[in-house]
Protein backbone atom coordinates (compact mmCIF):
# COMPACT_ATOMS: atom_id res chain seq x y z
CA MET A 1 82.96 100.03 86.50
CA ILE A 2 82.13 100.10 82.81
CA PHE A 3 81.31 96.83 81.06
CA ILE A 4 81.79 96.88 77.27
CA LYS A 5 80.08 94.10 75.31
CA ASP A 6 79.22 93.33 71.68
CA THR A 7 81.48 96.00 70.20
CA LYS A 8 84.64 96.09 68.09
CA ILE A 9 87.63 97.96 69.47
CA TYR A 10 90.58 97.70 67.08
CA ALA A 11 94.02 97.84 68.70
CA THR A 12 97.67 97.32 67.82
CA VAL A 13 99.78 95.27 70.23
CA TRP A 14 103.17 96.74 71.23
CA ASN A 15 104.24 94.55 74.14
CA VAL A 16 103.17 91.10 75.37
CA GLU A 17 103.97 89.61 78.79
CA ARG A 18 102.30 86.22 79.06
CA LYS A 19 101.79 84.69 82.52
CA GLU A 20 100.11 81.47 83.57
CA LYS A 21 96.65 82.95 84.24
CA TYR A 22 96.73 86.26 82.35
CA THR A 23 98.56 88.26 79.68
CA ASP A 24 99.63 91.87 80.20
CA LEU A 25 99.62 94.01 77.05
CA ARG A 26 100.63 97.46 75.94
CA ILE A 27 98.26 98.40 73.12
CA SER A 28 97.29 101.47 71.15
CA THR A 29 93.99 102.59 69.67
CA SER A 30 93.22 105.58 67.46
CA GLU A 31 90.42 107.67 66.07
CA LYS A 32 90.15 110.43 63.49
CA ASP A 33 89.33 113.91 64.68
CA MET A 34 87.11 116.31 62.74
CA GLU A 35 90.10 117.47 60.67
CA GLY A 36 91.00 113.93 59.58
CA LYS A 37 94.05 113.61 61.84
CA TYR A 38 94.53 110.49 63.93
CA ILE A 39 94.50 110.80 67.72
CA ASN A 40 96.31 107.86 69.37
CA SER A 41 95.80 106.45 72.86
CA ASN A 42 98.10 103.99 74.63
CA TRP A 43 96.79 101.48 77.15
CA PHE A 44 98.12 98.93 79.61
CA ALA A 45 95.57 96.14 79.41
CA ARG A 46 95.29 92.66 80.88
CA MET A 47 93.74 89.72 79.01
CA ILE A 48 92.05 87.19 81.26
CA GLY A 49 89.81 84.17 80.81
CA HIS A 50 88.78 83.32 77.26
CA SER A 51 90.91 86.01 75.57
CA HIS A 52 94.03 84.85 77.47
CA GLN A 53 93.46 81.25 76.36
CA LYS A 54 92.51 82.09 72.76
CA LEU A 55 95.38 84.50 71.94
CA LYS A 56 98.35 82.44 73.13
CA ASP A 57 100.56 83.35 70.14
CA LEU A 58 100.03 87.11 70.27
CA LYS A 59 103.11 89.16 69.37
CA ARG A 60 104.29 92.73 68.78
CA GLU A 61 102.47 94.61 65.99
CA ASP A 62 99.58 92.13 65.82
CA ARG A 63 96.17 93.76 65.32
CA ILE A 64 93.42 92.61 67.66
CA VAL A 65 89.69 93.20 67.91
CA ILE A 66 88.41 93.53 71.48
CA THR A 67 84.73 92.54 71.72
CA THR A 68 84.18 92.39 75.51
CA ALA A 69 86.08 94.37 78.15
CA LYS A 70 85.76 95.88 81.60
CA LEU A 71 87.12 99.23 82.78
CA THR A 72 87.49 99.97 86.49
CA ASN A 73 88.96 102.81 88.52
CA GLU A 74 89.20 101.41 92.04
CA PRO A 75 90.04 103.70 94.97
CA TYR A 76 92.62 102.67 97.58
CA THR A 77 94.76 104.19 100.31
CA ASP A 78 98.54 103.91 99.97
CA LYS A 79 100.92 103.10 102.84
CA ASP A 80 101.25 106.84 103.65
CA GLY A 81 97.48 107.30 104.00
CA ASN A 82 97.02 109.06 100.64
CA LYS A 83 93.87 108.29 98.69
CA LYS A 84 94.56 107.13 95.14
CA SER A 85 92.88 105.15 92.40
CA SER A 86 93.96 102.33 90.13
CA PHE A 87 92.67 102.22 86.53
CA LYS A 88 92.30 98.70 85.09
CA PHE A 89 91.49 97.69 81.51
CA LEU A 90 90.52 94.01 81.42
CA ILE A 91 90.06 92.29 78.06
CA LEU A 92 87.56 89.45 78.41
CA GLU A 93 86.93 88.54 74.75
CA ALA A 94 89.16 89.32 71.77
CA GLU A 95 90.49 87.88 68.54
CA THR A 96 93.17 88.76 66.05
CA ALA A 97 92.07 91.04 63.23
CA ASN A 98 92.64 88.08 60.87
CA GLN A 99 90.06 86.01 62.78
CA SER A 100 87.48 88.78 62.54
CA GLY A 101 87.88 88.77 58.76
CA SER A 102 89.84 91.99 58.34
CA HIS A 103 93.34 93.36 58.89
CA GLU A 104 92.12 96.92 59.01
CA LYS A 105 89.24 98.71 60.60
CA PRO A 106 86.36 98.76 58.11
CA GLU A 107 85.61 102.13 56.60
CA SER A 108 82.35 103.47 57.98
CA LYS A 109 80.99 106.36 55.94
CA PRO A 110 77.91 108.34 57.02
CA LYS A 111 74.81 107.64 54.93
CA ASP A 112 72.14 110.00 53.70
CA GLU A 113 68.99 109.50 55.82
CA ASN A 114 66.73 109.75 52.75
CA THR A 115 68.59 107.66 50.16
CA GLY A 116 70.84 105.43 52.28
CA GLU A 117 73.75 106.33 49.98
CA PRO A 118 77.16 107.35 51.41
CA VAL A 119 77.44 111.10 51.96
CA ALA A 120 80.17 112.86 49.97
CA GLU A 121 83.01 114.09 52.18
CA GLY A 122 82.31 117.74 51.41
CA GLU A 123 78.73 117.34 52.68
CA LEU A 124 79.68 116.27 56.21
CA PRO A 125 78.48 118.60 58.99
CA TRP A 126 82.01 119.43 60.22
């Protein structure tokens, strides 16, 4: 199990299935590689507890900020005796990007260790 707390994971919502005690989501996240191209990941996540109650009006293409989550990969044996595992992505705390004060992920530029000024793009180590 991995417990993620006090972070900001920006995600786009693609599908919402709201139930009484939880909400199942299909979301995507992305990051830039060293060449500046975006690498996208798709996730099936479940909102429970506070996030489920707080984001009742979530819809397709909303941007959310996940601040607390839990990842598990639980082993089990299927009916044929085969060992398998089940990956789960539980969202415990989240808000819409509007609530966090931004629609987009804030730009984070590396800073020079000596001056504290942003480093020019051509000066990056990669």
